[in-house]
Amino acid sequence: MPLPRTRGTALRQQLAELRGPDVPAKALDARALAALAANPGCARRAILDGAGVNKTALASALGSPSAFGQSQFALTRGNAFEAKVKADGGAELLRLVHEKLDRSAEPPADAHVPDLTAAGPQGRTARTELELREATAHPGAWTLLDHPMLALDVAGSPAYLEPDAVVVHPDGTWTVVEIKSFPLLDGSADPAKVGAAARQAAVYVLALEEVAARLASEESPAPRVRHRALLVCPRDFSNLPAASAVDIRKQRAVTARQLARLTRIEDIADALPEGTCFSPELPVEELTAAVESVPATYAPECLSACELAFHCRARSREEGAVTTLGRPVRAELGGLTTVEEVLAAARGEAGDPGDPAVAALRRAAALRAEALEAACR
């Protein structure tokens, strides 16, 4: 549900002040949103992304520059491949959609590719919704939306998302298309990269489902958003496109659940000390204090998903937090939150003996001592 106009205006002003004077907002894309949903307990990332803070510049200003992100070469290669896939009115792309997802439909001989140009993200979002409505209201033809703009409510603040493409099938159903530059080798790709693409596609599906719900009426039900996305990649080591249908039902369910758990951005902003600002132009001491005023939930997975991961890892190590060792370890240790507490429990110096985690640690320490004693004989 959108914020009331007065509250929404005040929140936008508040978030702009957090970025710093005259600092443009960095758009929250699907890649960042999928990473945010994977770590819903991190208030630091939620407020920085919600305020549009450039976390790459922020990490550099804090003295922990990020190694996260794509190289310029990869971006150029990806853009060139996407242009090739969408050439000739998306003929090859639609052929792949027909082949992999909708063989029962008529081949896409003459598809409609509407112009989605409009002023600003709000205008493009409205234009996209209008074209989806028109395409769905006139079934029997293929429609390709090239870089449509979608909006998704994230913790009370709208995030504008731009999928590579959305296809409206002749039966009125909608499919998300993800175009990536990593190769499909012998019909399969790197599972980690496919998983990341599936999580991005799941974010787009959730945004499309919100659009579909708004298009529903008494005369016609909401259009169906397909839960199989089309992943298009280069075949082997060539520049020829190949495609695979990816079932994203699991990723969609997980992402929806995690987004629902996010603390609302205005609640985080209201709890910040007055005058807090995350501008990279600030002195490093002041900037560090501002960042540390927002709690973070670090895990090793952050290294592949967040620009501030090195900074948060260093702080987590300084505090001796067991989350540095990973979420599975943290889950096994129950109420023991620091490495010092864990070692004290293992040595029998602290902890409730009835606690299963404490008992397991003491048993492990005893077995280790027995093994070392046996080795010394």
Protein backbone atom coordinates (compact mmCIF):
# COMPACT_ATOMS: atom_id res chain seq x y z
CA MET A 1 0.00 0.00 0.00
CA PRO A 2 1.49 3.37 -0.95
CA LEU A 3 2.28 5.86 1.77
CA PRO A 4 -0.12 8.78 2.32
CA ARG A 5 1.01 11.75 0.30
CA THR A 6 2.10 13.88 3.27
CA ARG A 7 4.00 11.04 4.95
CA GLY A 8 5.50 9.91 1.66
CA THR A 9 6.73 13.44 0.88
CA ALA A 10 8.25 13.79 4.36
CA LEU A 11 9.97 10.41 4.06
CA ARG A 12 11.45 11.28 0.65
CA GLN A 13 12.83 14.49 2.12
CA GLN A 14 14.24 12.61 5.09
CA LEU A 15 15.94 10.04 2.83
CA ALA A 16 17.36 12.82 0.65
CA GLU A 17 18.94 14.38 3.75
CA LEU A 18 20.52 11.02 4.61
CA ARG A 19 22.22 10.93 1.19
CA GLY A 20 23.65 14.40 1.63
CA PRO A 21 23.01 17.73 -0.06
CA ASP A 22 22.59 17.58 -3.84
CA VAL A 23 23.56 13.87 -3.99
CA PRO A 24 21.40 12.03 -6.55
CA ALA A 25 19.73 8.82 -5.44
CA LYS A 26 21.11 5.51 -6.69
CA ALA A 27 18.27 3.44 -8.09
CA LEU A 28 17.45 0.17 -6.32
CA ASP A 29 17.60 -2.50 -9.03
CA ALA A 30 16.48 -6.13 -8.93
CA ARG A 31 19.99 -7.41 -8.20
CA ALA A 32 20.21 -5.22 -5.08
CA LEU A 33 16.64 -6.03 -4.10
CA ALA A 34 17.25 -9.76 -4.33
CA ALA A 35 20.34 -9.35 -2.13
CA LEU A 36 18.36 -7.24 0.34
CA ALA A 37 15.63 -9.88 0.50
CA ALA A 38 18.27 -12.53 1.19
CA ASN A 39 19.30 -10.66 4.36
CA PRO A 40 16.09 -9.06 5.66
CA GLY A 41 17.48 -8.51 9.16
CA CYS A 42 20.11 -6.01 8.00
CA ALA A 43 18.71 -2.57 8.85
CA ARG A 44 21.90 -0.93 7.56
CA ARG A 45 21.45 -2.18 4.03
CA ALA A 46 17.71 -1.46 4.11
CA ILE A 47 18.15 2.23 5.00
CA LEU A 48 21.12 2.78 2.67
CA ASP A 49 19.31 1.21 -0.28
CA GLY A 50 16.06 2.94 0.62
CA ALA A 51 17.82 6.31 0.72
CA GLY A 52 19.55 5.66 -2.58
CA VAL A 53 23.06 5.88 -1.08
CA ASN A 54 25.89 4.87 -3.40
CA LYS A 55 27.37 2.08 -1.29
CA THR A 56 30.42 1.70 -3.55
CA ALA A 57 31.46 5.31 -2.89
CA LEU A 58 30.54 4.92 0.77
CA ALA A 59 32.71 1.83 1.18
CA SER A 60 35.69 3.60 -0.41
CA ALA A 61 35.22 6.62 1.87
CA LEU A 62 35.19 4.29 4.91
CA GLY A 63 38.52 2.78 3.83
CA SER A 64 37.07 -0.61 2.86
CA PRO A 65 36.67 -0.41 -0.92
CA SER A 66 34.35 -2.95 -2.46
CA ALA A 67 35.36 -5.67 -4.88
CA PHE A 68 31.69 -6.33 -5.64
CA GLY A 69 30.21 -5.56 -9.05
CA GLN A 70 30.65 -6.20 -12.77
CA SER A 71 33.65 -5.09 -14.80
CA GLN A 72 33.22 -2.58 -17.60
CA PHE A 73 34.20 -5.30 -20.08
CA ALA A 74 31.44 -7.59 -18.81
CA LEU A 75 28.89 -4.76 -19.04
CA THR A 76 29.91 -3.93 -22.62
CA ARG A 77 29.80 -7.59 -23.65
CA GLY A 78 26.40 -8.02 -22.00
CA ASN A 79 24.93 -4.96 -23.72
CA ALA A 80 26.20 -6.13 -27.11
CA PHE A 81 24.72 -9.60 -26.62
CA GLU A 82 21.37 -8.18 -25.49
CA ALA A 83 21.22 -5.95 -28.58
CA LYS A 84 21.86 -9.00 -30.77
CA VAL A 85 19.10 -11.01 -29.07
CA LYS A 86 16.57 -8.17 -29.48
CA ALA A 87 17.47 -7.28 -33.09
CA ASP A 88 14.80 -7.29 -35.80
CA GLY A 89 11.98 -6.49 -33.40
CA GLY A 90 12.98 -9.26 -31.00
CA ALA A 91 12.36 -12.00 -33.58
CA GLU A 92 15.01 -14.36 -32.16
CA LEU A 93 13.97 -13.66 -28.57
CA LEU A 94 10.32 -14.41 -29.30
CA ARG A 95 11.31 -17.56 -31.19
CA LEU A 96 13.10 -18.77 -28.07
CA VAL A 97 10.09 -17.94 -25.87
CA HIS A 98 7.84 -19.89 -28.25
CA GLU A 99 10.24 -22.84 -28.39
CA LYS A 100 10.92 -23.13 -24.66
CA LEU A 101 7.66 -21.98 -23.06
CA ASP A 102 4.68 -21.95 -25.44
CA ARG A 103 4.92 -24.42 -28.32
CA SER A 104 1.13 -24.75 -28.46
CA ALA A 105 0.73 -21.09 -29.54
CA GLU A 106 1.08 -19.78 -33.05
CA PRO A 107 4.69 -18.87 -33.95
CA PRO A 108 5.43 -15.17 -33.32
CA ALA A 109 5.57 -14.04 -36.93
CA ASP A 110 4.61 -10.41 -36.39
CA ALA A 111 4.87 -9.29 -32.77
CA HIS A 112 3.92 -5.90 -31.37
CA VAL A 113 6.81 -3.97 -29.76
CA PRO A 114 5.31 -0.84 -28.15
CA ASP A 115 7.23 2.34 -27.42
CA LEU A 116 7.59 2.64 -23.63
CA THR A 117 9.20 6.07 -23.62
CA ALA A 118 7.88 8.42 -20.92
CA ALA A 119 9.12 11.08 -18.53
CA GLY A 120 10.65 9.76 -15.31
CA PRO A 121 10.26 6.36 -13.65
CA GLN A 122 6.65 7.08 -12.64
CA GLY A 123 5.75 7.93 -16.23
CA ARG A 124 7.49 4.83 -17.59
CA THR A 125 5.78 2.66 -14.98
CA ALA A 126 2.37 4.03 -15.98
CA ARG A 127 3.17 3.54 -19.67
CA THR A 128 4.25 -0.05 -19.06
CA GLU A 129 1.04 -0.79 -17.17
CA LEU A 130 -1.02 0.73 -19.99
CA GLU A 131 0.71 -1.40 -22.64
CA LEU A 132 0.29 -4.55 -20.53
CA ARG A 133 -3.40 -3.76 -20.19
CA GLU A 134 -3.77 -3.24 -23.95
CA ALA A 135 -1.86 -6.41 -24.85
CA THR A 136 -3.86 -8.52 -22.40
CA ALA A 137 -7.18 -7.07 -23.54
CA HIS A 138 -6.51 -8.13 -27.15
CA PRO A 139 -5.36 -11.79 -27.00
CA GLY A 140 -4.19 -13.76 -30.00
CA ALA A 141 -0.97 -11.84 -30.67
CA TRP A 142 2.52 -11.70 -29.25
CA THR A 143 3.76 -8.53 -27.54
CA LEU A 144 7.34 -7.77 -26.52
CA LEU A 145 7.99 -5.08 -23.93
CA ASP A 146 11.63 -4.03 -24.20
CA HIS A 147 12.98 -2.74 -20.86
CA PRO A 148 9.63 -2.02 -19.24
CA MET A 149 9.54 -0.18 -15.90
CA LEU A 150 7.87 -1.81 -12.90
CA ALA A 151 7.31 -0.59 -9.34
CA LEU A 152 7.47 -2.75 -6.23
CA ASP A 153 6.72 -1.61 -2.70
CA VAL A 154 9.75 -2.38 -0.51
CA ALA A 155 9.41 -1.71 3.21
CA GLY A 156 7.04 1.17 2.53
CA SER A 157 9.08 2.78 -0.24
CA PRO A 158 8.65 2.21 -4.01
CA ALA A 159 11.50 0.56 -5.91
CA TYR A 160 11.55 1.00 -9.70
CA LEU A 161 12.73 -2.08 -11.57
CA GLU A 162 13.67 -2.60 -15.20
CA PRO A 163 13.66 -6.19 -16.48
CA ASP A 164 15.39 -6.98 -19.75
CA ALA A 165 12.04 -7.86 -21.33
CA VAL A 166 8.51 -9.00 -20.61
CA VAL A 167 6.57 -11.04 -23.18
CA VAL A 168 2.78 -11.17 -23.39
CA HIS A 169 1.71 -14.50 -24.91
CA PRO A 170 -1.27 -14.90 -27.26
CA ASP A 171 -3.27 -16.34 -24.33
CA GLY A 172 -2.68 -13.17 -22.30
CA THR A 173 -0.13 -14.62 -19.85
CA TRP A 174 3.11 -12.78 -19.04
CA THR A 175 6.71 -14.06 -19.01
CA VAL A 176 9.85 -12.43 -17.59
CA VAL A 177 12.96 -12.67 -19.77
CA GLU A 178 16.47 -12.41 -18.32
CA ILE A 179 19.37 -11.91 -20.76
CA LYS A 180 22.82 -12.71 -19.37
CA SER A 181 26.31 -12.76 -20.87
CA PHE A 182 27.58 -15.90 -19.10
CA PRO A 183 27.56 -18.96 -21.39
CA LEU A 184 25.38 -22.05 -21.56
CA LEU A 185 27.91 -24.87 -21.95
CA ASP A 186 26.36 -28.08 -23.32
CA GLY A 187 22.95 -26.77 -22.29
CA SER A 188 23.83 -25.85 -18.70
CA ALA A 189 25.39 -22.87 -16.92
CA ASP A 190 27.11 -22.05 -13.65
CA PRO A 191 24.51 -22.92 -10.97
CA ALA A 192 25.45 -19.91 -8.82
CA LYS A 193 24.90 -17.52 -11.71
CA VAL A 194 21.66 -19.21 -12.73
CA GLY A 195 20.48 -18.96 -9.12
CA ALA A 196 21.26 -15.24 -9.02
CA ALA A 197 19.38 -14.73 -12.30
CA ALA A 198 16.41 -16.71 -10.92
CA ARG A 199 16.29 -14.49 -7.82
CA GLN A 200 16.29 -11.38 -9.99
CA ALA A 201 13.52 -12.81 -12.15
CA ALA A 202 11.51 -13.58 -9.00
CA VAL A 203 11.65 -9.91 -8.03
CA TYR A 204 10.27 -8.95 -11.46
CA VAL A 205 7.53 -11.55 -11.15
CA LEU A 206 6.43 -10.09 -7.81
CA ALA A 207 6.28 -6.61 -9.36
CA LEU A 208 4.30 -7.93 -12.35
CA GLU A 209 1.86 -9.66 -10.01
CA GLU A 210 1.13 -6.29 -8.39
CA VAL A 211 0.39 -4.86 -11.85
CA ALA A 212 -1.81 -7.86 -12.69
CA ALA A 213 -3.78 -7.40 -9.48
CA ARG A 214 -4.52 -3.79 -10.41
CA LEU A 215 -5.76 -4.86 -13.84
CA ALA A 216 -8.28 -7.32 -12.41
CA SER A 217 -11.97 -6.40 -12.65
CA GLU A 218 -15.38 -8.00 -12.27
CA GLU A 219 -15.45 -8.67 -16.02
CA SER A 220 -11.97 -10.20 -16.27
CA PRO A 221 -9.67 -11.90 -13.75
CA ALA A 222 -6.10 -10.78 -13.15
CA PRO A 223 -3.69 -11.79 -15.93
CA ARG A 224 -1.49 -14.76 -15.02
CA VAL A 225 2.22 -14.15 -14.54
CA ARG A 226 4.09 -17.31 -15.49
CA HIS A 227 6.41 -18.74 -12.85
CA ARG A 228 8.86 -20.01 -15.45
CA ALA A 229 11.21 -17.31 -16.63
CA LEU A 230 13.27 -17.48 -19.82
CA LEU A 231 17.03 -17.24 -19.31
CA VAL A 232 18.86 -16.29 -22.53
CA CYS A 233 22.66 -16.73 -22.68
CA PRO A 234 25.37 -17.22 -25.34
CA ARG A 235 25.66 -20.80 -26.55
CA ASP A 236 29.01 -22.38 -25.60
CA PHE A 237 31.80 -19.96 -26.60
CA SER A 238 29.91 -18.28 -29.45
CA ASN A 239 27.77 -15.16 -29.48
CA LEU A 240 24.71 -17.11 -30.62
CA PRO A 241 21.76 -17.01 -28.20
CA ALA A 242 20.49 -20.09 -26.43
CA ALA A 243 17.73 -20.26 -23.84
CA SER A 244 16.55 -22.26 -20.88
CA ALA A 245 13.24 -22.16 -18.99
CA VAL A 246 13.89 -21.60 -15.28
CA ASP A 247 11.30 -22.52 -12.66
CA ILE A 248 11.34 -19.65 -10.13
CA ARG A 249 8.46 -20.69 -7.86
CA LYS A 250 10.81 -21.35 -4.93
CA GLN A 251 12.73 -18.09 -5.40
CA ARG A 252 9.49 -16.14 -5.73
CA ALA A 253 8.07 -17.59 -2.50
CA VAL A 254 11.29 -16.98 -0.56
CA THR A 255 11.68 -13.42 -1.86
CA ALA A 256 8.06 -12.53 -1.08
CA ARG A 257 8.43 -13.88 2.45
CA GLN A 258 11.72 -12.08 3.05
CA LEU A 259 10.47 -8.74 1.69
CA ALA A 260 7.49 -8.98 4.02
CA ARG A 261 9.92 -9.31 6.94
CA LEU A 262 11.86 -6.14 6.14
CA THR A 263 11.60 -3.42 8.74
CA ARG A 264 9.81 -0.44 7.23
CA ILE A 265 12.30 2.15 6.05
CA GLU A 266 10.57 5.02 7.84
CA ASP A 267 10.87 3.15 11.16
CA ILE A 268 14.64 2.80 10.67
CA ALA A 269 14.96 6.43 9.59
CA ASP A 270 12.97 7.71 12.57
CA ALA A 271 15.29 5.84 14.97
CA LEU A 272 18.47 7.48 13.60
CA PRO A 273 20.18 10.26 15.58
CA GLU A 274 19.23 13.73 14.38
CA GLY A 275 21.48 15.03 11.62
CA THR A 276 22.66 11.58 10.46
CA CYS A 277 24.10 11.72 6.95
CA PHE A 278 25.83 9.09 4.80
CA SER A 279 27.51 11.43 2.31
CA PRO A 280 30.96 10.11 1.24
CA GLU A 281 32.18 13.72 1.43
CA LEU A 282 32.02 13.72 5.23
CA PRO A 283 35.15 13.21 7.41
CA VAL A 284 35.82 9.52 7.87
CA GLU A 285 35.21 9.63 11.65
CA GLU A 286 31.81 11.28 11.22
CA LEU A 287 30.87 8.98 8.37
CA THR A 288 31.89 5.88 10.34
CA ALA A 289 29.79 7.00 13.30
CA ALA A 290 26.77 7.52 11.00
CA VAL A 291 27.12 4.05 9.47
CA GLU A 292 27.65 2.38 12.85
CA SER A 293 24.49 4.05 14.19
CA VAL A 294 22.50 1.57 12.09
CA PRO A 295 22.79 -2.11 13.11
CA ALA A 296 24.04 -4.54 10.50
CA THR A 297 23.55 -8.29 10.18
CA TYR A 298 26.75 -9.54 8.57
CA ALA A 299 27.16 -13.01 7.09
CA PRO A 300 29.85 -14.37 4.72
CA GLU A 301 27.25 -14.41 1.92
CA CYS A 302 27.34 -10.60 2.01
CA LEU A 303 30.77 -10.68 0.32
CA SER A 304 29.14 -11.60 -2.99
CA ALA A 305 26.13 -9.30 -2.64
CA CYS A 306 26.92 -6.07 -0.79
CA GLU A 307 29.42 -3.28 -1.35
CA LEU A 308 29.82 -2.70 2.41
CA ALA A 309 30.67 -6.33 3.15
CA PHE A 310 34.38 -5.73 3.88
CA HIS A 311 33.57 -2.93 6.33
CA CYS A 312 30.90 -4.96 8.11
CA ARG A 313 33.14 -8.05 8.22
CA ALA A 314 35.92 -6.07 9.89
CA ARG A 315 33.51 -4.75 12.52
CA SER A 316 32.03 -8.21 13.06
CA ARG A 317 35.51 -9.67 13.62
CA GLU A 318 36.42 -6.88 16.05
CA GLU A 319 33.30 -7.67 18.07
CA GLY A 320 34.02 -11.41 17.92
CA ALA A 321 30.54 -12.10 16.53
CA VAL A 322 29.89 -15.71 15.59
CA THR A 323 27.96 -14.55 12.50
CA THR A 324 31.40 -14.06 10.94
CA LEU A 325 31.58 -17.86 10.77
CA GLY A 326 28.33 -18.14 8.81
CA ARG A 327 24.62 -18.47 9.43
CA PRO A 328 24.64 -22.29 9.92
CA VAL A 329 27.21 -21.95 12.74
CA ARG A 330 25.27 -19.07 14.27
CA ALA A 331 22.08 -21.15 14.24
CA GLU A 332 23.79 -24.08 15.97
CA LEU A 333 25.12 -21.92 18.81
CA GLY A 334 21.76 -20.67 20.06
CA GLY A 335 22.19 -17.87 22.60
CA LEU A 336 25.99 -17.77 22.32
CA THR A 337 26.62 -14.73 20.13
CA THR A 338 30.38 -14.10 20.47
CA VAL A 339 33.45 -16.26 19.96
CA GLU A 340 34.55 -15.49 23.54
CA GLU A 341 31.25 -16.83 24.91
CA VAL A 342 31.64 -19.98 22.80
CA LEU A 343 35.20 -20.63 24.04
CA ALA A 344 34.19 -19.97 27.66
CA ALA A 345 31.30 -22.43 27.32
CA ALA A 346 33.58 -25.06 25.79
CA ARG A 347 36.08 -24.67 28.64
CA GLY A 348 33.31 -25.01 31.23
CA GLU A 349 33.83 -21.47 32.50
CA ALA A 350 30.37 -20.18 31.56
CA GLY A 351 27.07 -21.29 30.11
CA ASP A 352 24.17 -23.45 31.25
CA PRO A 353 25.12 -27.15 31.15
CA GLY A 354 21.51 -27.93 30.23
CA ASP A 355 21.80 -25.84 27.05
CA PRO A 356 22.22 -28.28 24.11
CA ALA A 357 24.73 -25.93 22.43
CA VAL A 358 26.83 -25.66 25.60
CA ALA A 359 26.71 -29.42 26.13
CA ALA A 360 27.80 -30.07 22.55
CA LEU A 361 30.70 -27.62 22.85
CA ARG A 362 31.92 -29.22 26.07
CA ARG A 363 31.67 -32.67 24.54
CA ALA A 364 33.65 -31.48 21.49
CA ALA A 365 36.29 -29.90 23.75
CA ALA A 366 36.61 -33.14 25.73
CA LEU A 367 37.02 -35.21 22.55
CA ARG A 368 39.65 -32.77 21.27
CA ALA A 369 41.56 -33.02 24.54
CA GLU A 370 41.46 -36.83 24.38
CA ALA A 371 42.72 -36.81 20.79
CA LEU A 372 45.62 -34.48 21.64
CA GLU A 373 46.54 -36.57 24.67
CA ALA A 374 46.53 -39.75 22.58
CA ALA A 375 48.69 -38.10 19.92
CA CYS A 376 51.29 -37.10 22.50
CA ARG A 377 51.78 -40.62 23.84
